[in-house]
């Protein structure tokens, strides 16, 4: 769905087509010029969506290390206005992901970029992964949940609509399989599973998480079957406090991996993936840390 619209203005009794850009700054500047006023445009509200222009487009969008979602919009487009709240929330949801950028370009003003990327209507949303900097058009729904699901799938991230890590962040399917039934297994079977875990092929990005699986297995062998649940409770209490972002991220991923051992073992097995019982004794006073 897209919209195309011309702006008209009345001057000396006649209607004229407005020839300028469609940004707030352009419209205010045009009005000031016609009326001889000196009104200043309103200050922009803080946003986690990167505003693009010809000056920064290539540096942001064509960065070979980043996944970039770009909305080509027009300020006057009603469909763009309807999309704006969800798109702003999308920027907030992925602001902690260094490799993901949520961006927008006023294509009604920057027509050269509009033509370069074959934008025929507004809004047009394009995905620029490291593997394709020509851009791939997004044709999905505009609901926040759908946009988050798309970015997670394409970028390999695990964010919720509120920006928190989902319960699958840090999990590796092949190692989840090895972890199934590790608690309660015989010593011989544990040794066999540990050997399999060490041989599972993982990407460079997954190496740290893979090491947590192996370390957890060794700790269960050394400290007993209760280790996983005790560690979940310990990390859960720590996460209730104010922690630096990197610590909170690390602890959350470790808890997710530990949950694989608990859920796959059969703790409350009627639940879905990533759900498990956490019997955390809360302190009387605590401050929630921000992720």
Foldseek 3Di string as FASTA:
>chain_A
DFDDDWDWDDDPRDIDTDDAAQDQQTVVVVVCVVVVHDDDGDDDDDALAAEDDPVCCCVPLVPLQAKEKEWAAGPVIPVCVVLVVLLRLLSQLCSVPPRYHYYYYPCRHVVVVCVQLVPDGPTWMWIRHSVHSSTDTDDDDSHNQVVNVVCCVVVVAATGSNNDGDLCPLPDVVLLVLLQQLAPDDPVSLVVSLVVLVPDDDDPVNVVSSVLSSVVSVCCVVPHSCVLLVLLQVLVQVQQAADPPVSNVVSSSSNSSSVSNVQSNPAVVVDDRSDHDRPHDYDPDHHHYDD
